[in-house]
Amino acid sequence: MKYFTLLSGFILSTFAGIRNVQAEEQDDHPILLLNEDSTFHFEILGGLGQALTGGGDISPILGAAKNVTPGDFDKFTNIFYRLANETKAQALKPSNAYDPINVRDTWFSAASYFRRADSFTHGDWEDPLINHLWEEMLSAFDKAISSLPVPGQRVKIPADNFTVEAIWYSAPSGGKRKKQPTLILGGGYDGAQEDMYHTIVTNALARGCNALTYEGPGQPTVRRNQSLGFIPNWERVLTPTIDWLLANKGAEVDTKRLALYGHSMGGYLAARAGAFEPRVKAILLNGGIFDVHESYLDQSPPVLIDLYKSGQKDAFDETAFSMLSNPNYTLKDAIGRIKVPAWIADAELEGFFLGQPQKVKDALGEKPSLHPFTGTAGYHCQAGVLQELNRAIFAWLHKTLG
């Protein structure tokens, strides 16, 4: 792969929420390291976490991890691509098709493995593998959600010169249509909304909540299909999304219990959009981000800052450069508009946005609840501890919205 990819990996390893470590530093970390390359460790850990909700099987992921060479992006991609195709072959077996649970879980696993394979291909957007892996992932995921007790519905929502990509999940209602608590769930820099199914949606459905995941400009499917980068005024994404939700699913949505969740950099996006959206009754930020530009500069190594300041765009990942060079990704002028209860995750080992959750808490005053995640739960976005994450989220929602 091209130098773009190597630099992208370097950026990821800097911001992945864990330090680059050697084997002898194992005792300094709260869990067993899955690879000496901290970026690979974090990505593999995320895959293991999704296995809890049908997004893979533990031994195949550990088998892939065993064969990954630290720093070898191509090998990482190839190993998970092979695992994805092997799992896809199982999903296509006629002998497995009799059981919708077989169909659902196997396709969800294949989709997750295709996403793992895609993780380090983003440096060269001319590489056809980027779209091929994504098309395979979308196809597998759509087959999986069609086998849910209440099938998921992929929708396209018209917005201001772009289209929001979303997936609607209805809570099982036993045949009785009624209004339920509803979560609107958004990711961040490069996390797919399909990941959000395993992170939050399964737990929401199990608790009788509806869920709507969505992606806007800069995020995976919109970036691929519409060639659009991020926008700081994220209310342009959220407002038409809620318009669609209430117009099309209003009979199922309890508008008094409509919550907005932002994951990773989505913590900034959700806070910004929620500040301008009075129909949202609670906001959850994992984690809170007051200023994206400030945080990236604070965490950047000298070589990356030098590239940024010198303007060597050909040696700097396109999306990261756009984020670093745009100081408008800040809540400074918007945070005072947030009037609803807010929950903010603060991870002990956070590397992307270190210190930002406390800044959001301080700016909001007494309104928000700052929830610390420490020890084995301390990685960025609680990778590997999704049970603990969901316990905290739904306990707060129950206390706040009933």
Protein backbone atom coordinates (compact mmCIF):
# COMPACT_ATOMS: atom_id res chain seq x y z
CA MET A 1 0.00 0.00 0.00
CA LYS A 2 1.05 3.60 -0.50
CA TYR A 3 2.69 5.95 2.02
CA PHE A 4 -0.76 7.43 2.71
CA THR A 5 -1.72 4.17 4.39
CA LEU A 6 1.42 4.02 6.48
CA LEU A 7 0.85 7.56 7.71
CA SER A 8 -2.82 6.82 8.38
CA GLY A 9 -1.73 3.88 10.52
CA PHE A 10 0.74 6.10 12.34
CA ILE A 11 -2.06 8.58 13.08
CA LEU A 12 -4.30 5.78 14.31
CA SER A 13 -1.61 4.38 16.59
CA THR A 14 -1.12 7.85 18.05
CA PHE A 15 -4.82 8.38 18.77
CA ALA A 16 -6.07 4.84 19.38
CA GLY A 17 -6.37 5.28 23.12
CA ILE A 18 -3.39 3.07 23.96
CA ARG A 19 0.33 3.58 23.84
CA ASN A 20 2.75 1.82 21.51
CA VAL A 21 4.21 -0.83 23.76
CA GLN A 22 6.68 -3.67 23.65
CA ALA A 23 6.07 -7.10 25.14
CA GLU A 24 8.04 -6.33 28.27
CA GLU A 25 5.56 -3.55 29.13
CA GLN A 26 2.66 -5.99 29.32
CA ASP A 27 2.36 -5.59 33.09
CA ASP A 28 1.69 -1.88 32.66
CA HIS A 29 -1.60 -2.60 30.88
CA PRO A 30 -4.88 -3.77 32.38
CA ILE A 31 -5.42 -6.61 29.87
CA LEU A 32 -3.43 -9.11 27.85
CA LEU A 33 -2.08 -7.38 24.75
CA LEU A 34 -3.31 -8.97 21.52
CA ASN A 35 -0.48 -7.56 19.40
CA GLU A 36 2.73 -5.60 20.04
CA ASP A 37 1.38 -3.01 17.58
CA SER A 38 -1.03 -0.94 19.69
CA THR A 39 -3.17 -0.07 16.66
CA PHE A 40 -3.68 -3.74 15.81
CA HIS A 41 -4.28 -4.57 19.47
CA PHE A 42 -7.06 -2.00 19.64
CA GLU A 43 -8.70 -3.13 16.40
CA ILE A 44 -8.63 -6.81 17.41
CA LEU A 45 -10.00 -5.95 20.85
CA GLY A 46 -12.89 -4.13 19.21
CA GLY A 47 -13.67 -7.23 17.15
CA LEU A 48 -13.66 -9.42 20.24
CA GLY A 49 -16.07 -7.04 21.93
CA GLN A 50 -18.54 -7.39 19.07
CA ALA A 51 -18.48 -11.18 19.42
CA LEU A 52 -20.58 -10.69 22.56
CA THR A 53 -23.54 -9.60 20.40
CA GLY A 54 -23.12 -11.89 17.40
CA GLY A 55 -20.44 -9.92 15.56
CA GLY A 56 -17.96 -12.79 15.34
CA ASP A 57 -16.62 -15.80 17.17
CA ILE A 58 -13.80 -15.55 19.70
CA SER A 59 -11.43 -18.28 18.53
CA PRO A 60 -11.41 -17.28 14.84
CA ILE A 61 -10.61 -13.70 15.86
CA LEU A 62 -7.81 -14.87 18.16
CA GLY A 63 -6.57 -17.16 15.38
CA ALA A 64 -6.39 -14.17 13.05
CA ALA A 65 -4.65 -12.16 15.77
CA LYS A 66 -2.01 -14.88 16.15
CA ASN A 67 -1.03 -14.49 12.49
CA VAL A 68 -0.97 -10.69 12.34
CA THR A 69 2.52 -9.19 12.06
CA PRO A 70 3.01 -5.91 13.96
CA GLY A 71 3.06 -2.99 11.55
CA ASP A 72 2.08 -5.02 8.46
CA PHE A 73 -1.14 -3.38 7.24
CA ASP A 74 -1.43 -5.53 4.13
CA LYS A 75 -1.18 -8.73 6.14
CA PHE A 76 -3.78 -7.52 8.63
CA THR A 77 -6.18 -6.79 5.76
CA ASN A 78 -5.53 -10.12 4.05
CA ILE A 79 -5.98 -12.20 7.20
CA PHE A 80 -9.35 -10.71 8.06
CA TYR A 81 -10.43 -10.70 4.41
CA ARG A 82 -9.78 -14.43 4.30
CA LEU A 83 -11.69 -14.96 7.55
CA ALA A 84 -14.60 -12.90 6.20
CA ASN A 85 -14.80 -14.97 3.03
CA GLU A 86 -14.60 -18.25 4.96
CA THR A 87 -17.47 -17.08 7.15
CA LYS A 88 -19.43 -15.90 4.11
CA ALA A 89 -19.08 -19.40 2.64
CA GLN A 90 -20.65 -20.81 5.81
CA ALA A 91 -23.51 -18.34 5.53
CA LEU A 92 -24.18 -19.45 1.95
CA LYS A 93 -24.35 -23.15 2.79
CA PRO A 94 -27.88 -24.45 2.07
CA SER A 95 -27.65 -26.75 5.10
CA ASN A 96 -27.44 -23.67 7.37
CA ALA A 97 -30.27 -21.75 5.75
CA TYR A 98 -33.09 -23.61 7.53
CA ASP A 99 -32.54 -21.56 10.69
CA PRO A 100 -32.86 -17.74 10.66
CA ILE A 101 -30.55 -17.59 13.69
CA ASN A 102 -27.83 -19.36 11.68
CA VAL A 103 -28.38 -16.92 8.84
CA ARG A 104 -28.39 -13.86 11.07
CA ASP A 105 -25.36 -14.64 13.22
CA THR A 106 -23.18 -15.93 10.39
CA TRP A 107 -23.85 -12.90 8.19
CA PHE A 108 -23.28 -10.53 11.13
CA SER A 109 -19.92 -12.24 11.72
CA ALA A 110 -18.94 -12.01 8.06
CA ALA A 111 -19.87 -8.33 8.00
CA SER A 112 -17.74 -7.64 11.08
CA TYR A 113 -14.74 -9.43 9.58
CA PHE A 114 -15.09 -7.44 6.35
CA ARG A 115 -15.05 -4.24 8.45
CA ARG A 116 -11.90 -5.40 10.25
CA ALA A 117 -10.29 -6.09 6.85
CA ASP A 118 -11.20 -2.57 5.75
CA SER A 119 -9.64 -0.86 8.77
CA PHE A 120 -6.26 0.07 7.25
CA THR A 121 -7.12 0.57 3.56
CA HIS A 122 -8.17 4.22 3.72
CA GLY A 123 -4.89 5.88 2.79
CA ASP A 124 -5.38 5.51 -0.97
CA TRP A 125 -8.94 6.22 -2.03
CA GLU A 126 -8.12 5.06 -5.56
CA ASP A 127 -7.60 1.52 -4.28
CA PRO A 128 -10.58 -0.55 -5.54
CA LEU A 129 -10.33 -2.77 -2.47
CA ILE A 130 -11.87 0.03 -0.38
CA ASN A 131 -15.20 -0.14 -2.18
CA HIS A 132 -15.06 -3.90 -2.72
CA LEU A 133 -14.71 -4.63 1.00
CA TRP A 134 -17.46 -2.16 1.81
CA GLU A 135 -19.87 -3.61 -0.73
CA GLU A 136 -19.23 -7.08 0.68
CA MET A 137 -19.76 -5.76 4.20
CA LEU A 138 -23.02 -3.99 3.34
CA SER A 139 -24.37 -7.06 1.54
CA ALA A 140 -23.57 -9.33 4.49
CA PHE A 141 -24.97 -6.90 7.04
CA ASP A 142 -28.21 -6.39 5.11
CA LYS A 143 -28.75 -10.14 4.97
CA ALA A 144 -28.23 -10.27 8.74
CA ILE A 145 -30.66 -7.49 9.66
CA SER A 146 -33.29 -8.95 7.34
CA SER A 147 -33.23 -12.03 9.62
CA LEU A 148 -33.87 -10.13 12.85
CA PRO A 149 -37.21 -10.84 14.63
CA VAL A 150 -38.23 -7.37 13.39
CA PRO A 151 -36.12 -6.82 10.25
CA GLY A 152 -33.92 -3.75 10.18
CA GLN A 153 -34.69 -1.14 7.52
CA ARG A 154 -31.97 0.72 5.62
CA VAL A 155 -33.13 4.21 4.62
CA LYS A 156 -31.80 7.25 2.75
CA ILE A 157 -32.79 10.61 4.18
CA PRO A 158 -32.59 13.74 1.97
CA ALA A 159 -30.71 16.60 3.59
CA ASP A 160 -29.07 19.85 2.50
CA ASN A 161 -27.11 18.84 -0.64
CA PHE A 162 -26.37 15.36 0.69
CA THR A 163 -28.15 12.20 1.78
CA VAL A 164 -28.05 10.76 5.28
CA GLU A 165 -27.52 6.98 5.35
CA ALA A 166 -29.50 5.39 8.19
CA ILE A 167 -30.79 2.09 9.54
CA TRP A 168 -34.01 1.79 11.55
CA TYR A 169 -34.54 -0.93 14.15
CA SER A 170 -37.98 -1.41 15.74
CA ALA A 171 -38.19 -2.78 19.25
CA PRO A 172 -40.05 -6.12 19.41
CA SER A 173 -43.58 -5.30 20.57
CA GLY A 174 -45.34 -8.67 20.64
CA GLY A 175 -47.59 -7.60 17.79
CA LYS A 176 -48.83 -4.49 19.62
CA ARG A 177 -47.74 -1.24 18.04
CA LYS A 178 -46.89 1.26 20.76
CA LYS A 179 -44.61 4.19 21.39
CA GLN A 180 -41.21 3.19 22.79
CA PRO A 181 -38.08 5.02 23.99
CA THR A 182 -35.88 5.66 20.97
CA LEU A 183 -32.12 6.17 20.58
CA ILE A 184 -30.51 8.02 17.68
CA LEU A 185 -26.95 6.67 17.41
CA GLY A 186 -24.08 8.26 15.50
CA GLY A 187 -20.44 7.30 15.08
CA GLY A 188 -17.36 9.42 14.65
CA TYR A 189 -14.29 9.65 12.45
CA ASP A 190 -14.29 6.29 10.66
CA GLY A 191 -16.59 4.01 12.67
CA ALA A 192 -19.41 2.48 10.65
CA GLN A 193 -23.04 2.63 11.70
CA GLU A 194 -23.02 -1.15 11.27
CA ASP A 195 -20.60 -1.32 14.22
CA MET A 196 -23.17 0.58 16.25
CA TYR A 197 -25.53 -2.39 15.96
CA HIS A 198 -23.18 -4.47 18.11
CA THR A 199 -22.15 -1.59 20.37
CA ILE A 200 -25.57 -0.27 21.41
CA VAL A 201 -28.49 -1.42 19.23
CA THR A 202 -28.68 -5.03 20.45
CA ASN A 203 -28.84 -3.81 24.04
CA ALA A 204 -31.44 -1.18 23.16
CA LEU A 205 -33.71 -3.72 21.45
CA ALA A 206 -33.36 -6.14 24.36
CA ARG A 207 -34.58 -3.37 26.69
CA GLY A 208 -37.59 -2.49 24.55
CA CYS A 209 -36.10 0.58 22.85
CA ASN A 210 -36.12 1.50 19.17
CA ALA A 211 -32.87 2.58 17.53
CA LEU A 212 -31.90 4.63 14.50
CA THR A 213 -28.24 4.63 13.44
CA TYR A 214 -27.07 7.18 10.90
CA GLU A 215 -24.08 8.52 8.95
CA GLY A 216 -23.46 11.98 7.54
CA PRO A 217 -20.73 13.67 5.50
CA GLY A 218 -17.23 12.31 6.16
CA GLN A 219 -18.49 9.03 7.60
CA PRO A 220 -17.92 5.68 5.88
CA THR A 221 -20.80 5.10 3.46
CA VAL A 222 -21.46 8.79 2.75
CA ARG A 223 -17.74 9.34 2.15
CA ARG A 224 -17.65 6.47 -0.33
CA ASN A 225 -20.93 7.07 -2.14
CA GLN A 226 -21.08 10.86 -2.13
CA SER A 227 -17.39 11.88 -1.84
CA LEU A 228 -18.17 14.29 0.98
CA GLY A 229 -15.97 15.22 3.93
CA PHE A 230 -16.98 16.23 7.45
CA ILE A 231 -18.95 19.37 8.26
CA PRO A 232 -18.75 21.02 11.70
CA ASN A 233 -22.40 22.16 11.83
CA TRP A 234 -23.77 18.64 12.36
CA GLU A 235 -27.31 19.88 12.97
CA ARG A 236 -27.56 19.85 9.17
CA VAL A 237 -27.40 16.06 9.52
CA LEU A 238 -29.43 15.51 12.67
CA THR A 239 -32.43 17.77 11.99
CA PRO A 240 -33.52 16.09 8.74
CA THR A 241 -32.85 12.72 10.39
CA ILE A 242 -35.30 13.50 13.21
CA ASP A 243 -37.75 14.96 10.67
CA TRP A 244 -37.72 11.61 8.84
CA LEU A 245 -37.98 9.64 12.06
CA LEU A 246 -41.09 11.42 13.32
CA ALA A 247 -42.75 11.54 9.89
CA ASN A 248 -42.22 7.84 9.17
CA LYS A 249 -41.96 6.14 12.58
CA GLY A 250 -43.87 8.56 14.79
CA ALA A 251 -46.38 5.90 15.83
CA GLU A 252 -43.52 3.94 17.42
CA VAL A 253 -41.51 6.79 18.97
CA ASP A 254 -42.08 8.13 22.49
CA THR A 255 -40.99 11.71 21.84
CA LYS A 256 -40.60 12.35 25.57
CA ARG A 257 -37.90 9.66 25.64
CA LEU A 258 -35.89 10.49 22.52
CA ALA A 259 -32.15 10.29 23.24
CA LEU A 260 -29.11 11.15 21.11
CA TYR A 261 -25.83 9.22 21.41
CA GLY A 262 -22.45 10.15 19.90
CA HIS A 263 -19.59 7.62 19.73
CA SER A 264 -15.90 8.62 19.60
CA MET A 265 -15.66 11.84 17.53
CA GLY A 266 -19.43 11.56 17.42
CA GLY A 267 -19.22 12.96 20.95
CA TYR A 268 -18.52 16.33 19.35
CA LEU A 269 -21.01 15.83 16.50
CA ALA A 270 -23.88 14.83 18.82
CA ALA A 271 -23.24 17.68 21.26
CA ARG A 272 -23.08 20.23 18.46
CA ALA A 273 -26.24 18.95 16.75
CA GLY A 274 -28.11 18.41 20.01
CA ALA A 275 -27.51 22.03 20.96
CA PHE A 276 -29.70 23.07 18.02
CA GLU A 277 -32.31 20.29 18.23
CA PRO A 278 -35.01 20.81 20.90
CA ARG A 279 -36.72 17.49 20.13
CA VAL A 280 -33.83 15.59 21.75
CA LYS A 281 -34.57 14.99 25.44
CA ALA A 282 -31.18 13.60 26.54
CA ILE A 283 -27.67 13.53 25.09
CA LEU A 284 -25.01 10.85 25.64
CA LEU A 285 -21.42 11.58 24.63
CA ASN A 286 -18.82 8.82 24.47
CA GLY A 287 -16.71 10.73 25.10
CA GLY A 288 -17.28 14.41 25.42
CA ILE A 289 -15.28 16.56 23.01
CA PHE A 290 -15.15 20.32 23.46
CA ASP A 291 -12.67 21.07 20.66
CA VAL A 292 -11.59 18.50 18.05
CA HIS A 293 -8.87 20.72 16.57
CA GLU A 294 -7.31 21.46 19.96
CA SER A 295 -7.35 17.81 20.98
CA TYR A 296 -5.71 16.53 17.82
CA LEU A 297 -2.96 19.12 18.03
CA ASP A 298 -2.37 18.37 21.71
CA GLN A 299 -1.99 14.64 20.97
CA SER A 300 0.02 14.96 17.75
CA PRO A 301 3.70 13.92 17.67
CA PRO A 302 6.18 16.53 16.43
CA VAL A 303 6.59 14.95 12.99
CA LEU A 304 2.85 15.16 12.36
CA ILE A 305 2.65 18.75 13.57
CA ASP A 306 5.57 19.65 11.29
CA LEU A 307 3.78 18.14 8.30
CA TYR A 308 0.63 20.00 9.25
CA LYS A 309 2.35 23.35 9.66
CA SER A 310 4.39 22.99 6.47
CA GLY A 311 1.31 22.15 4.42
CA GLN A 312 2.74 18.95 2.92
CA LYS A 313 -0.66 17.58 2.00
CA ASP A 314 0.81 14.83 -0.17
CA ALA A 315 2.39 13.34 2.96
CA PHE A 316 -0.56 13.77 5.24
CA ASP A 317 -3.74 11.77 5.29
CA GLU A 318 -6.44 13.79 3.54
CA THR A 319 -9.15 13.51 6.16
CA ALA A 320 -6.86 14.05 9.16
CA PHE A 321 -5.44 17.15 7.49
CA SER A 322 -8.92 18.56 6.95
CA MET A 323 -9.76 17.99 10.59
CA LEU A 324 -6.56 19.52 11.91
CA SER A 325 -6.78 22.54 9.62
CA ASN A 326 -10.38 23.43 10.52
CA PRO A 327 -10.73 25.11 13.91
CA ASN A 328 -14.53 25.22 13.59
CA TYR A 329 -14.99 21.81 15.24
CA THR A 330 -15.54 23.36 18.65
CA LEU A 331 -18.48 23.68 21.03
CA LYS A 332 -17.35 27.10 22.26
CA ASP A 333 -20.25 29.01 20.72
CA ALA A 334 -22.85 26.22 20.90
CA ILE A 335 -22.54 24.47 24.24
CA GLY A 336 -24.58 27.09 26.09
CA ARG A 337 -27.60 26.05 24.02
CA ILE A 338 -27.65 22.53 25.50
CA LYS A 339 -30.49 22.53 28.04
CA VAL A 340 -31.24 18.81 28.37
CA PRO A 341 -29.58 16.24 30.65
CA ALA A 342 -26.24 14.97 29.36
CA TRP A 343 -24.12 11.89 30.09
CA ILE A 344 -20.39 11.99 29.31
CA ALA A 345 -18.02 9.02 29.23
CA ASP A 346 -14.47 9.66 30.46
CA ALA A 347 -12.04 6.82 29.65
CA GLU A 348 -8.90 6.52 31.76
CA LEU A 349 -6.72 5.36 28.83
CA GLU A 350 -8.25 7.74 26.28
CA GLY A 351 -5.79 8.77 23.61
CA PHE A 352 -7.89 10.46 20.94
CA PHE A 353 -9.46 13.16 23.09
CA LEU A 354 -7.59 13.13 26.38
CA GLY A 355 -9.00 15.65 28.85
CA GLN A 356 -11.86 16.71 26.60
CA PRO A 357 -14.71 15.08 28.59
CA GLN A 358 -13.86 17.17 31.65
CA LYS A 359 -13.86 20.32 29.51
CA VAL A 360 -17.37 19.53 28.28
CA LYS A 361 -18.48 18.81 31.84
CA ASP A 362 -17.02 22.10 33.08
CA ALA A 363 -18.66 24.07 30.29
CA LEU A 364 -22.08 22.52 31.00
CA GLY A 365 -21.89 23.08 34.74
CA GLU A 366 -24.09 20.92 36.95
CA LYS A 367 -26.26 19.45 34.19
CA PRO A 368 -24.10 16.57 32.96
CA SER A 369 -23.13 13.29 34.56
CA LEU A 370 -19.44 12.46 34.02
CA HIS A 371 -18.98 8.69 34.09
CA PRO A 372 -15.40 7.44 34.55
CA PHE A 373 -14.34 4.17 32.90
CA THR A 374 -11.15 2.81 34.46
CA GLY A 375 -8.94 -0.27 34.46
CA THR A 376 -10.00 -2.89 31.93
CA ALA A 377 -12.85 -0.58 30.87
CA GLY A 378 -10.53 2.35 30.31
CA TYR A 379 -9.83 2.12 26.59
CA HIS A 380 -11.26 4.48 23.99
CA CYS A 381 -15.05 3.95 23.71
CA GLN A 382 -14.81 1.00 26.11
CA ALA A 383 -13.43 -1.42 23.54
CA GLY A 384 -13.91 -4.93 24.86
CA VAL A 385 -16.33 -4.03 27.67
CA LEU A 386 -19.61 -3.37 25.91
CA GLN A 387 -21.62 -4.93 28.75
CA GLU A 388 -20.22 -2.36 31.17
CA LEU A 389 -20.80 0.46 28.69
CA ASN A 390 -24.43 -0.51 28.16
CA ARG A 391 -25.07 -0.99 31.88
CA ALA A 392 -23.95 2.58 32.46
CA ILE A 393 -25.86 4.03 29.51
CA PHE A 394 -29.20 2.38 30.20
CA ALA A 395 -29.03 2.90 33.96
CA TRP A 396 -28.58 6.64 33.32
CA LEU A 397 -31.35 6.71 30.71
CA HIS A 398 -33.71 4.90 33.11
CA LYS A 399 -32.92 7.37 35.88
CA THR A 400 -33.17 10.39 33.56
CA LEU A 401 -36.08 9.62 31.21
CA GLY A 402 -37.81 6.76 33.02
